[in-house]
Structure formats: C-alpha cells, structure tokens
Amino acid sequence: VIVNPEDKDGNIVLSLTQAEVDRDWEEAERNLQSGEIFEASVTNHN
C-alpha cells in the first residue's frame, strides 16, 4: 500500500502490513457474500 507517494527524500514509502489488512477485509467481504462459517478464538470482552 502506498503510504507516501514521495517523502522528503523523494522515496515512495510502502507498507506491507496495511496490504495484509486490505487482504483481510477482502476475505471478510467474500465470507459475507458466501455465508461461509469459520472457527476463531475469543481474545477479549467488554
């Protein structure tokens, strides 16, 4: 993901982790459309 098209040194700054988050959102949207169920662990509560 492009974080900054041009920083003060003229570099294009990228993010790998934001791209992974973007991929997870796409997967969540696919699950919403398909109705697929999955198993996951609870890490916290409110």
ModelCIF file with pLDDT and N, C-alpha, C, O atoms, coordinates in Angstrom:
data_MODEL
#
_entry.id   MODEL 
#
_entity.id                         1 
_entity.type                       polymer 
_entity.pdbx_number_of_molecules   1 
#
_entity_poly.entity_id                      1 
_entity_poly.type                           'polypeptide(L)' 
_entity_poly.nstd_linkage                   no 
_entity_poly.nstd_monomer                   no 
_entity_poly.pdbx_seq_one_letter_code       VIVNPEDKDGNIVLSLTQAEVDRDWEEAERNLQSGEIFEASVTNHN 
_entity_poly.pdbx_seq_one_letter_code_can   VIVNPEDKDGNIVLSLTQAEVDRDWEEAERNLQSGEIFEASVTNHN 
_entity_poly.pdbx_strand_id                 A 
#
loop_
_entity_poly_seq.entity_id 
_entity_poly_seq.num 
_entity_poly_seq.mon_id 
_entity_poly_seq.hetero 
1 1  VAL n 
1 2  ILE n 
1 3  VAL n 
1 4  ASN n 
1 5  PRO n 
1 6  GLU n 
1 7  ASP n 
1 8  LYS n 
1 9  ASP n 
1 10 GLY n 
1 11 ASN n 
1 12 ILE n 
1 13 VAL n 
1 14 LEU n 
1 15 SER n 
1 16 LEU n 
1 17 THR n 
1 18 GLN n 
1 19 ALA n 
1 20 GLU n 
1 21 VAL n 
1 22 ASP n 
1 23 ARG n 
1 24 ASP n 
1 25 TRP n 
1 26 GLU n 
1 27 GLU n 
1 28 ALA n 
1 29 GLU n 
1 30 ARG n 
1 31 ASN n 
1 32 LEU n 
1 33 GLN n 
1 34 SER n 
1 35 GLY n 
1 36 GLU n 
1 37 ILE n 
1 38 PHE n 
1 39 GLU n 
1 40 ALA n 
1 41 SER n 
1 42 VAL n 
1 43 THR n 
1 44 ASN n 
1 45 HIS n 
1 46 ASN n 
#
_struct_asym.id          A 
_struct_asym.entity_id   1 
#
loop_
_ma_qa_metric.id 
_ma_qa_metric.mode 
_ma_qa_metric.name 
_ma_qa_metric.software_group_id 
_ma_qa_metric.type 
1 global pLDDT . pLDDT 
2 local  pLDDT . pLDDT 
#
_ma_qa_metric_global.metric_id      1 
_ma_qa_metric_global.metric_value   93.61 
_ma_qa_metric_global.model_id       1 
_ma_qa_metric_global.ordinal_id     1 
#
loop_
_ma_qa_metric_local.label_asym_id 
_ma_qa_metric_local.label_comp_id 
_ma_qa_metric_local.label_seq_id 
_ma_qa_metric_local.metric_id 
_ma_qa_metric_local.metric_value 
_ma_qa_metric_local.model_id 
_ma_qa_metric_local.ordinal_id 
A VAL 1  2 94.00 1 1  
A ILE 2  2 94.00 1 2  
A VAL 3  2 94.00 1 3  
A ASN 4  2 93.00 1 4  
A PRO 5  2 93.00 1 5  
A GLU 6  2 89.00 1 6  
A ASP 7  2 89.00 1 7  
A LYS 8  2 88.00 1 8  
A ASP 9  2 86.00 1 9  
A GLY 10 2 88.00 1 10 
A ASN 11 2 91.00 1 11 
A ILE 12 2 94.00 1 12 
A VAL 13 2 95.00 1 13 
A LEU 14 2 95.00 1 14 
A SER 15 2 94.00 1 15 
A LEU 16 2 94.00 1 16 
A THR 17 2 92.00 1 17 
A GLN 18 2 92.00 1 18 
A ALA 19 2 92.00 1 19 
A GLU 20 2 91.00 1 20 
A VAL 21 2 93.00 1 21 
A ASP 22 2 92.00 1 22 
A ARG 23 2 92.00 1 23 
A ASP 24 2 95.00 1 24 
A TRP 25 2 96.00 1 25 
A GLU 26 2 94.00 1 26 
A GLU 27 2 95.00 1 27 
A ALA 28 2 96.00 1 28 
A GLU 29 2 97.00 1 29 
A ARG 30 2 96.00 1 30 
A ASN 31 2 95.00 1 31 
A LEU 32 2 96.00 1 32 
A GLN 33 2 96.00 1 33 
A SER 34 2 95.00 1 34 
A GLY 35 2 94.00 1 35 
A GLU 36 2 94.00 1 36 
A ILE 37 2 95.00 1 37 
A PHE 38 2 95.00 1 38 
A GLU 39 2 95.00 1 39 
A ALA 40 2 96.00 1 40 
A SER 41 2 96.00 1 41 
A VAL 42 2 97.00 1 42 
A THR 43 2 96.00 1 43 
A ASN 44 2 96.00 1 44 
A HIS 45 2 94.00 1 45 
A ASN 46 2 92.00 1 46 
#
loop_
_atom_site.group_PDB 
_atom_site.id 
_atom_site.type_symbol 
_atom_site.label_atom_id 
_atom_site.label_alt_id 
_atom_site.label_comp_id 
_atom_site.label_asym_id 
_atom_site.label_entity_id 
_atom_site.label_seq_id 
_atom_site.pdbx_PDB_ins_code 
_atom_site.Cartn_x 
_atom_site.Cartn_y 
_atom_site.Cartn_z 
_atom_site.occupancy 
_atom_site.B_iso_or_equiv 
_atom_site.pdbx_formal_charge 
_atom_site.auth_seq_id 
_atom_site.auth_comp_id 
_atom_site.auth_asym_id 
_atom_site.auth_atom_id 
_atom_site.pdbx_PDB_model_num 
ATOM 1   N N  . VAL A 1 1  ? 0.855   -1.187  0.000  1.00 94.00 ? 1  VAL A N  1 
ATOM 2   C CA . VAL A 1 1  ? 0.000   0.000   0.000  1.00 94.00 ? 1  VAL A CA 1 
ATOM 3   C C  . VAL A 1 1  ? 0.890   1.235   0.000  1.00 94.00 ? 1  VAL A C  1 
ATOM 4   O O  . VAL A 1 1  ? 1.872   1.293   0.739  1.00 94.00 ? 1  VAL A O  1 
ATOM 5   N N  . ILE A 1 2  ? 0.553   2.218   -0.822 1.00 94.00 ? 2  ILE A N  1 
ATOM 6   C CA . ILE A 1 2  ? 1.316   3.469   -0.870 1.00 94.00 ? 2  ILE A CA 1 
ATOM 7   C C  . ILE A 1 2  ? 0.996   4.289   0.379  1.00 94.00 ? 2  ILE A C  1 
ATOM 8   O O  . ILE A 1 2  ? -0.133  4.743   0.563  1.00 94.00 ? 2  ILE A O  1 
ATOM 9   N N  . VAL A 1 3  ? 2.002   4.471   1.231  1.00 94.00 ? 3  VAL A N  1 
ATOM 10  C CA . VAL A 1 3  ? 1.844   5.294   2.434  1.00 94.00 ? 3  VAL A CA 1 
ATOM 11  C C  . VAL A 1 3  ? 2.127   6.758   2.119  1.00 94.00 ? 3  VAL A C  1 
ATOM 12  O O  . VAL A 1 3  ? 1.443   7.657   2.608  1.00 94.00 ? 3  VAL A O  1 
ATOM 13  N N  . ASN A 1 4  ? 3.150   6.980   1.290  1.00 93.00 ? 4  ASN A N  1 
ATOM 14  C CA . ASN A 1 4  ? 3.521   8.341   0.888  1.00 93.00 ? 4  ASN A CA 1 
ATOM 15  C C  . ASN A 1 4  ? 4.096   8.265   -0.530 1.00 93.00 ? 4  ASN A C  1 
ATOM 16  O O  . ASN A 1 4  ? 5.119   7.614   -0.741 1.00 93.00 ? 4  ASN A O  1 
ATOM 17  N N  . PRO A 1 5  ? 3.449   8.924   -1.513 1.00 93.00 ? 5  PRO A N  1 
ATOM 18  C CA . PRO A 1 5  ? 3.965   8.861   -2.892 1.00 93.00 ? 5  PRO A CA 1 
ATOM 19  C C  . PRO A 1 5  ? 5.353   9.475   -3.040 1.00 93.00 ? 5  PRO A C  1 
ATOM 20  O O  . PRO A 1 5  ? 6.085   9.134   -3.969 1.00 93.00 ? 5  PRO A O  1 
ATOM 21  N N  . GLU A 1 6  ? 5.718   10.377  -2.135 1.00 89.00 ? 6  GLU A N  1 
ATOM 22  C CA . GLU A 1 6  ? 7.045   10.998  -2.187 1.00 89.00 ? 6  GLU A CA 1 
ATOM 23  C C  . GLU A 1 6  ? 7.360   11.633  -0.837 1.00 89.00 ? 6  GLU A C  1 
ATOM 24  O O  . GLU A 1 6  ? 6.750   12.632  -0.456 1.00 89.00 ? 6  GLU A O  1 
ATOM 25  N N  . ASP A 1 7  ? 8.320   11.043  -0.115 1.00 89.00 ? 7  ASP A N  1 
ATOM 26  C CA . ASP A 1 7  ? 8.704   11.620  1.171  1.00 89.00 ? 7  ASP A CA 1 
ATOM 27  C C  . ASP A 1 7  ? 9.736   12.722  0.943  1.00 89.00 ? 7  ASP A C  1 
ATOM 28  O O  . ASP A 1 7  ? 10.004  13.094  -0.199 1.00 89.00 ? 7  ASP A O  1 
ATOM 29  N N  . LYS A 1 8  ? 10.322  13.250  2.035  1.00 88.00 ? 8  LYS A N  1 
ATOM 30  C CA . LYS A 1 8  ? 11.249  14.376  1.912  1.00 88.00 ? 8  LYS A CA 1 
ATOM 31  C C  . LYS A 1 8  ? 12.516  14.021  1.135  1.00 88.00 ? 8  LYS A C  1 
ATOM 32  O O  . LYS A 1 8  ? 13.213  14.893  0.618  1.00 88.00 ? 8  LYS A O  1 
ATOM 33  N N  . ASP A 1 9  ? 12.797  12.706  1.067  1.00 86.00 ? 9  ASP A N  1 
ATOM 34  C CA . ASP A 1 9  ? 13.978  12.257  0.322  1.00 86.00 ? 9  ASP A CA 1 
ATOM 35  C C  . ASP A 1 9  ? 13.619  11.808  -1.095 1.00 86.00 ? 9  ASP A C  1 
ATOM 36  O O  . ASP A 1 9  ? 14.475  11.313  -1.828 1.00 86.00 ? 9  ASP A O  1 
ATOM 37  N N  . GLY A 1 10 ? 12.347  11.982  -1.479 1.00 88.00 ? 10 GLY A N  1 
ATOM 38  C CA . GLY A 1 10 ? 11.919  11.609  -2.809 1.00 88.00 ? 10 GLY A CA 1 
ATOM 39  C C  . GLY A 1 10 ? 11.569  10.141  -2.974 1.00 88.00 ? 10 GLY A C  1 
ATOM 40  O O  . GLY A 1 10 ? 11.374  9.674   -4.096 1.00 88.00 ? 10 GLY A O  1 
ATOM 41  N N  . ASN A 1 11 ? 11.486  9.404   -1.865 1.00 91.00 ? 11 ASN A N  1 
ATOM 42  C CA . ASN A 1 11 ? 11.178  7.976   -1.925 1.00 91.00 ? 11 ASN A CA 1 
ATOM 43  C C  . ASN A 1 11 ? 9.678   7.720   -1.904 1.00 91.00 ? 11 ASN A C  1 
ATOM 44  O O  . ASN A 1 11 ? 8.912   8.487   -1.321 1.00 91.00 ? 11 ASN A O  1 
ATOM 45  N N  . ILE A 1 12 ? 9.274   6.644   -2.540 1.00 94.00 ? 12 ILE A N  1 
ATOM 46  C CA . ILE A 1 12 ? 7.903   6.159   -2.429 1.00 94.00 ? 12 ILE A CA 1 
ATOM 47  C C  . ILE A 1 12 ? 7.863   5.222   -1.224 1.00 94.00 ? 12 ILE A C  1 
ATOM 48  O O  . ILE A 1 12 ? 8.523   4.183   -1.227 1.00 94.00 ? 12 ILE A O  1 
ATOM 49  N N  . VAL A 1 13 ? 7.101   5.576   -0.204 1.00 95.00 ? 13 VAL A N  1 
ATOM 50  C CA . VAL A 1 13 ? 7.053   4.798   1.031  1.00 95.00 ? 13 VAL A CA 1 
ATOM 51  C C  . VAL A 1 13 ? 5.908   3.792   0.954  1.00 95.00 ? 13 VAL A C  1 
ATOM 52  O O  . VAL A 1 13 ? 4.770   4.152   0.653  1.00 95.00 ? 13 VAL A O  1 
ATOM 53  N N  . LEU A 1 14 ? 6.225   2.529   1.229  1.00 95.00 ? 14 LEU A N  1 
ATOM 54  C CA . LEU A 1 14 ? 5.262   1.443   1.117  1.00 95.00 ? 14 LEU A CA 1 
ATOM 55  C C  . LEU A 1 14 ? 4.987   0.798   2.466  1.00 95.00 ? 14 LEU A C  1 
ATOM 56  O O  . LEU A 1 14 ? 5.766   0.928   3.410  1.00 95.00 ? 14 LEU A O  1 
ATOM 57  N N  . SER A 1 15 ? 3.856   0.098   2.532  1.00 94.00 ? 15 SER A N  1 
ATOM 58  C CA . SER A 1 15 ? 3.520   -0.687  3.721  1.00 94.00 ? 15 SER A CA 1 
ATOM 59  C C  . SER A 1 15 ? 3.101   -2.085  3.291  1.00 94.00 ? 15 SER A C  1 
ATOM 60  O O  . SER A 1 15 ? 2.242   -2.249  2.424  1.00 94.00 ? 15 SER A O  1 
ATOM 61  N N  . LEU A 1 16 ? 3.712   -3.086  3.903  1.00 94.00 ? 16 LEU A N  1 
ATOM 62  C CA . LEU A 1 16 ? 3.308   -4.471  3.674  1.00 94.00 ? 16 LEU A CA 1 
ATOM 63  C C  . LEU A 1 16 ? 2.167   -4.874  4.599  1.00 94.00 ? 16 LEU A C  1 
ATOM 64  O O  . LEU A 1 16 ? 1.270   -5.615  4.196  1.00 94.00 ? 16 LEU A O  1 
ATOM 65  N N  . THR A 1 17 ? 2.199   -4.383  5.852  1.00 92.00 ? 17 THR A N  1 
ATOM 66  C CA . THR A 1 17 ? 1.176   -4.777  6.823  1.00 92.00 ? 17 THR A CA 1 
ATOM 67  C C  . THR A 1 17 ? -0.188  -4.202  6.446  1.00 92.00 ? 17 THR A C  1 
ATOM 68  O O  . THR A 1 17 ? -1.206  -4.873  6.615  1.00 92.00 ? 17 THR A O  1 
ATOM 69  N N  . GLN A 1 18 ? -0.222  -2.969  5.937  1.00 92.00 ? 18 GLN A N  1 
ATOM 70  C CA . GLN A 1 18 ? -1.502  -2.405  5.515  1.00 92.00 ? 18 GLN A CA 1 
ATOM 71  C C  . GLN A 1 18 ? -2.094  -3.187  4.351  1.00 92.00 ? 18 GLN A C  1 
ATOM 72  O O  . GLN A 1 18 ? -3.312  -3.312  4.221  1.00 92.00 ? 18 GLN A O  1 
ATOM 73  N N  . ALA A 1 19 ? -1.205  -3.714  3.502  1.00 92.00 ? 19 ALA A N  1 
ATOM 74  C CA . ALA A 1 19 ? -1.685  -4.532  2.388  1.00 92.00 ? 19 ALA A CA 1 
ATOM 75  C C  . ALA A 1 19 ? -2.300  -5.832  2.907  1.00 92.00 ? 19 ALA A C  1 
ATOM 76  O O  . ALA A 1 19 ? -3.287  -6.318  2.355  1.00 92.00 ? 19 ALA A O  1 
ATOM 77  N N  . GLU A 1 20 ? -1.716  -6.396  3.969  1.00 91.00 ? 20 GLU A N  1 
ATOM 78  C CA . GLU A 1 20 ? -2.283  -7.604  4.566  1.00 91.00 ? 20 GLU A CA 1 
ATOM 79  C C  . GLU A 1 20 ? -3.647  -7.313  5.183  1.00 91.00 ? 20 GLU A C  1 
ATOM 80  O O  . GLU A 1 20 ? -4.566  -8.126  5.084  1.00 91.00 ? 20 GLU A O  1 
ATOM 81  N N  . VAL A 1 21 ? -3.773  -6.155  5.815  1.00 93.00 ? 21 VAL A N  1 
ATOM 82  C CA . VAL A 1 21 ? -5.070  -5.757  6.374  1.00 93.00 ? 21 VAL A CA 1 
ATOM 83  C C  . VAL A 1 21 ? -6.099  -5.617  5.257  1.00 93.00 ? 21 VAL A C  1 
ATOM 84  O O  . VAL A 1 21 ? -7.242  -6.050  5.398  1.00 93.00 ? 21 VAL A O  1 
ATOM 85  N N  . ASP A 1 22 ? -5.683  -5.007  4.143  1.00 92.00 ? 22 ASP A N  1 
ATOM 86  C CA . ASP A 1 22 ? -6.576  -4.862  2.991  1.00 92.00 ? 22 ASP A CA 1 
ATOM 87  C C  . ASP A 1 22 ? -7.025  -6.226  2.491  1.00 92.00 ? 22 ASP A C  1 
ATOM 88  O O  . ASP A 1 22 ? -8.190  -6.404  2.134  1.00 92.00 ? 22 ASP A O  1 
ATOM 89  N N  . ARG A 1 23 ? -6.108  -7.193  2.462  1.00 92.00 ? 23 ARG A N  1 
ATOM 90  C CA . ARG A 1 23 ? -6.456  -8.544  2.014  1.00 92.00 ? 23 ARG A CA 1 
ATOM 91  C C  . ARG A 1 23 ? -7.445  -9.196  2.984  1.00 92.00 ? 23 ARG A C  1 
ATOM 92  O O  . ARG A 1 23 ? -8.348  -9.917  2.560  1.00 92.00 ? 23 ARG A O  1 
ATOM 93  N N  . ASP A 1 24 ? -7.275  -8.941  4.289  1.00 95.00 ? 24 ASP A N  1 
ATOM 94  C CA . ASP A 1 24 ? -8.200  -9.500  5.286  1.00 95.00 ? 24 ASP A CA 1 
ATOM 95  C C  . ASP A 1 24 ? -9.604  -8.923  5.127  1.00 95.00 ? 24 ASP A C  1 
ATOM 96  O O  . ASP A 1 24 ? -10.593 -9.635  5.301  1.00 95.00 ? 24 ASP A O  1 
ATOM 97  N N  . TRP A 1 25 ? -9.694  -7.625  4.793  1.00 96.00 ? 25 TRP A N  1 
ATOM 98  C CA . TRP A 1 25 ? -11.011 -7.033  4.540  1.00 96.00 ? 25 TRP A CA 1 
ATOM 99  C C  . TRP A 1 25 ? -11.662 -7.679  3.320  1.00 96.00 ? 25 TRP A C  1 
ATOM 100 O O  . TRP A 1 25 ? -12.864 -7.946  3.319  1.00 96.00 ? 25 TRP A O  1 
ATOM 101 N N  . GLU A 1 26 ? -10.874 -7.924  2.295  1.00 94.00 ? 26 GLU A N  1 
ATOM 102 C CA . GLU A 1 26 ? -11.417 -8.574  1.102  1.00 94.00 ? 26 GLU A CA 1 
ATOM 103 C C  . GLU A 1 26 ? -11.928 -9.972  1.441  1.00 94.00 ? 26 GLU A C  1 
ATOM 104 O O  . GLU A 1 26 ? -12.978 -10.390 0.953  1.00 94.00 ? 26 GLU A O  1 
ATOM 105 N N  . GLU A 1 27 ? -11.182 -10.691 2.277  1.00 95.00 ? 27 GLU A N  1 
ATOM 106 C CA . GLU A 1 27 ? -11.599 -12.034 2.684  1.00 95.00 ? 27 GLU A CA 1 
ATOM 107 C C  . GLU A 1 27 ? -12.882 -11.977 3.506  1.00 95.00 ? 27 GLU A C  1 
ATOM 108 O O  . GLU A 1 27 ? -13.765 -12.821 3.350  1.00 95.00 ? 27 GLU A O  1 
ATOM 109 N N  . ALA A 1 28 ? -12.982 -10.969 4.391  1.00 96.00 ? 28 ALA A N  1 
ATOM 110 C CA . ALA A 1 28 ? -14.203 -10.807 5.185  1.00 96.00 ? 28 ALA A CA 1 
ATOM 111 C C  . ALA A 1 28 ? -15.405 -10.524 4.286  1.00 96.00 ? 28 ALA A C  1 
ATOM 112 O O  . ALA A 1 28 ? -16.496 -11.043 4.523  1.00 96.00 ? 28 ALA A O  1 
ATOM 113 N N  . GLU A 1 29 ? -15.208 -9.709  3.265  1.00 97.00 ? 29 GLU A N  1 
ATOM 114 C CA . GLU A 1 29 ? -16.301 -9.402  2.322  1.00 97.00 ? 29 GLU A CA 1 
ATOM 115 C C  . GLU A 1 29 ? -16.708 -10.643 1.536  1.00 97.00 ? 29 GLU A C  1 
ATOM 116 O O  . GLU A 1 29 ? -17.891 -10.844 1.260  1.00 97.00 ? 29 GLU A O  1 
ATOM 117 N N  . ARG A 1 30 ? -15.722 -11.484 1.171  1.00 96.00 ? 30 ARG A N  1 
ATOM 118 C CA . ARG A 1 30 ? -16.050 -12.737 0.482  1.00 96.00 ? 30 ARG A CA 1 
ATOM 119 C C  . ARG A 1 30 ? -16.841 -13.672 1.396  1.00 96.00 ? 30 ARG A C  1 
ATOM 120 O O  . ARG A 1 30 ? -17.790 -14.320 0.956  1.00 96.00 ? 30 ARG A O  1 
ATOM 121 N N  . ASN A 1 31 ? -16.446 -13.739 2.679  1.00 95.00 ? 31 ASN A N  1 
ATOM 122 C CA . ASN A 1 31 ? -17.170 -14.579 3.634  1.00 95.00 ? 31 ASN A CA 1 
ATOM 123 C C  . ASN A 1 31 ? -18.603 -14.091 3.830  1.00 95.00 ? 31 ASN A C  1 
ATOM 124 O O  . ASN A 1 31 ? -19.529 -14.888 3.978  1.00 95.00 ? 31 ASN A O  1 
ATOM 125 N N  . LEU A 1 32 ? -18.770 -12.767 3.829  1.00 96.00 ? 32 LEU A N  1 
ATOM 126 C CA . LEU A 1 32 ? -20.115 -12.209 3.969  1.00 96.00 ? 32 LEU A CA 1 
ATOM 127 C C  . LEU A 1 32 ? -20.988 -12.637 2.793  1.00 96.00 ? 32 LEU A C  1 
ATOM 128 O O  . LEU A 1 32 ? -22.151 -12.995 2.977  1.00 96.00 ? 32 LEU A O  1 
ATOM 129 N N  . GLN A 1 33 ? -20.428 -12.599 1.592  1.00 96.00 ? 33 GLN A N  1 
ATOM 130 C CA . GLN A 1 33 ? -21.185 -12.962 0.398  1.00 96.00 ? 33 GLN A CA 1 
ATOM 131 C C  . GLN A 1 33 ? -21.463 -14.465 0.324  1.00 96.00 ? 33 GLN A C  1 
ATOM 132 O O  . GLN A 1 33 ? -22.547 -14.883 -0.082 1.00 96.00 ? 33 GLN A O  1 
ATOM 133 N N  . SER A 1 34 ? -20.478 -15.269 0.716  1.00 95.00 ? 34 SER A N  1 
ATOM 134 C CA . SER A 1 34 ? -20.613 -16.724 0.589  1.00 95.00 ? 34 SER A CA 1 
ATOM 135 C C  . SER A 1 34 ? -21.363 -17.349 1.759  1.00 95.00 ? 34 SER A C  1 
ATOM 136 O O  . SER A 1 34 ? -21.924 -18.437 1.627  1.00 95.00 ? 34 SER A O  1 
ATOM 137 N N  . GLY A 1 35 ? -21.377 -16.663 2.913  1.00 94.00 ? 35 GLY A N  1 
ATOM 138 C CA . GLY A 1 35 ? -22.018 -17.236 4.098  1.00 94.00 ? 35 GLY A CA 1 
ATOM 139 C C  . GLY A 1 35 ? -21.191 -18.321 4.756  1.00 94.00 ? 35 GLY A C  1 
ATOM 140 O O  . GLY A 1 35 ? -21.712 -19.089 5.565  1.00 94.00 ? 35 GLY A O  1 
ATOM 141 N N  . GLU A 1 36 ? -19.918 -18.396 4.425  1.00 94.00 ? 36 GLU A N  1 
ATOM 142 C CA . GLU A 1 36 ? -19.048 -19.423 4.998  1.00 94.00 ? 36 GLU A CA 1 
ATOM 143 C C  . GLU A 1 36 ? -18.874 -19.196 6.493  1.00 94.00 ? 36 GLU A C  1 
ATOM 144 O O  . GLU A 1 36 ? -18.754 -18.054 6.936  1.00 94.00 ? 36 GLU A O  1 
ATOM 145 N N  . ILE A 1 37 ? -18.858 -20.279 7.280  1.00 95.00 ? 37 ILE A N  1 
ATOM 146 C CA . ILE A 1 37 ? -18.618 -20.179 8.712  1.00 95.00 ? 37 ILE A CA 1 
ATOM 147 C C  . ILE A 1 37 ? -17.188 -20.630 9.010  1.00 95.00 ? 37 ILE A C  1 
ATOM 148 O O  . ILE A 1 37 ? -16.597 -21.395 8.248  1.00 95.00 ? 37 ILE A O  1 
ATOM 149 N N  . PHE A 1 38 ? -16.645 -20.151 10.121 1.00 95.00 ? 38 PHE A N  1 
ATOM 150 C CA . PHE A 1 38 ? -15.266 -20.471 10.481 1.00 95.00 ? 38 PHE A CA 1 
ATOM 151 C C  . PHE A 1 38 ? -15.135 -20.483 11.997 1.00 95.00 ? 38 PHE A C  1 
ATOM 152 O O  . PHE A 1 38 ? -16.018 -20.007 12.711 1.00 95.00 ? 38 PHE A O  1 
ATOM 153 N N  . GLU A 1 39 ? -14.037 -21.025 12.477 1.00 95.00 ? 39 GLU A N  1 
ATOM 154 C CA . GLU A 1 39 ? -13.780 -21.125 13.906 1.00 95.00 ? 39 GLU A CA 1 
ATOM 155 C C  . GLU A 1 39 ? -12.659 -20.168 14.289 1.00 95.00 ? 39 GLU A C  1 
ATOM 156 O O  . GLU A 1 39 ? -11.642 -20.094 13.601 1.00 95.00 ? 39 GLU A O  1 
ATOM 157 N N  . ALA A 1 40 ? -12.841 -19.437 15.382 1.00 96.00 ? 40 ALA A N  1 
ATOM 158 C CA . ALA A 1 40 ? -11.831 -18.489 15.845 1.00 96.00 ? 40 ALA A CA 1 
ATOM 159 C C  . ALA A 1 40 ? -11.907 -18.372 17.363 1.00 96.00 ? 40 ALA A C  1 
ATOM 160 O O  . ALA A 1 40 ? -12.932 -18.684 17.970 1.00 96.00 ? 40 ALA A O  1 
ATOM 161 N N  . SER A 1 41 ? -10.809 -17.920 17.969 1.00 96.00 ? 41 SER A N  1 
ATOM 162 C CA . SER A 1 41 ? -10.707 -17.841 19.427 1.00 96.00 ? 41 SER A CA 1 
ATOM 163 C C  . SER A 1 41 ? -11.020 -16.448 19.947 1.00 96.00 ? 41 SER A C  1 
ATOM 164 O O  . SER A 1 41 ? -10.638 -15.452 19.333 1.00 96.00 ? 41 SER A O  1 
ATOM 165 N N  . VAL A 1 42 ? -11.707 -16.374 21.066 1.00 97.00 ? 42 VAL A N  1 
ATOM 166 C CA . VAL A 1 42 ? -12.010 -15.107 21.739 1.00 97.00 ? 42 VAL A CA 1 
ATOM 167 C C  . VAL A 1 42 ? -10.763 -14.635 22.473 1.00 97.00 ? 42 VAL A C  1 
ATOM 168 O O  . VAL A 1 42 ? -10.148 -15.400 23.216 1.00 97.00 ? 42 VAL A O  1 
ATOM 169 N N  . THR A 1 43 ? -10.387 -13.368 22.264 1.00 96.00 ? 43 THR A N  1 
ATOM 170 C CA . THR A 1 43 ? -9.203  -12.830 22.923 1.00 96.00 ? 43 THR A CA 1 
ATOM 171 C C  . THR A 1 43 ? -9.532  -11.802 23.999 1.00 96.00 ? 43 THR A C  1 
ATOM 172 O O  . THR A 1 43 ? -8.692  -11.521 24.854 1.00 96.00 ? 43 THR A O  1 
ATOM 173 N N  . ASN A 1 44 ? -10.746 -11.231 23.976 1.00 96.00 ? 44 ASN A N  1 
ATOM 174 C CA . ASN A 1 44 ? -11.090 -10.207 24.962 1.00 96.00 ? 44 ASN A CA 1 
ATOM 175 C C  . ASN A 1 44 ? -12.600 -10.047 24.985 1.00 96.00 ? 44 ASN A C  1 
ATOM 176 O O  . ASN A 1 44 ? -13.312 -10.624 24.164 1.00 96.00 ? 44 ASN A O  1 
ATOM 177 N N  . HIS A 1 45 ? -13.078 -9.254  25.937 1.00 94.00 ? 45 HIS A N  1 
ATOM 178 C CA . HIS A 1 45 ? -14.516 -8.995  26.023 1.00 94.00 ? 45 HIS A CA 1 
ATOM 179 C C  . HIS A 1 45 ? -14.749 -7.601  26.580 1.00 94.00 ? 45 HIS A C  1 
ATOM 180 O O  . HIS A 1 45 ? -13.861 -7.017  27.202 1.00 94.00 ? 45 HIS A O  1 
ATOM 181 N N  . ASN A 1 46 ? -15.934 -7.073  26.358 1.00 92.00 ? 46 ASN A N  1 
ATOM 182 C CA . ASN A 1 46 ? -16.379 -5.857  27.018 1.00 92.00 ? 46 ASN A CA 1 
ATOM 183 C C  . ASN A 1 46 ? -17.837 -6.058  27.392 1.00 92.00 ? 46 ASN A C  1 
ATOM 184 O O  . ASN A 1 46 ? -18.456 -5.164  27.969 1.00 92.00 ? 46 ASN A O  1 
#
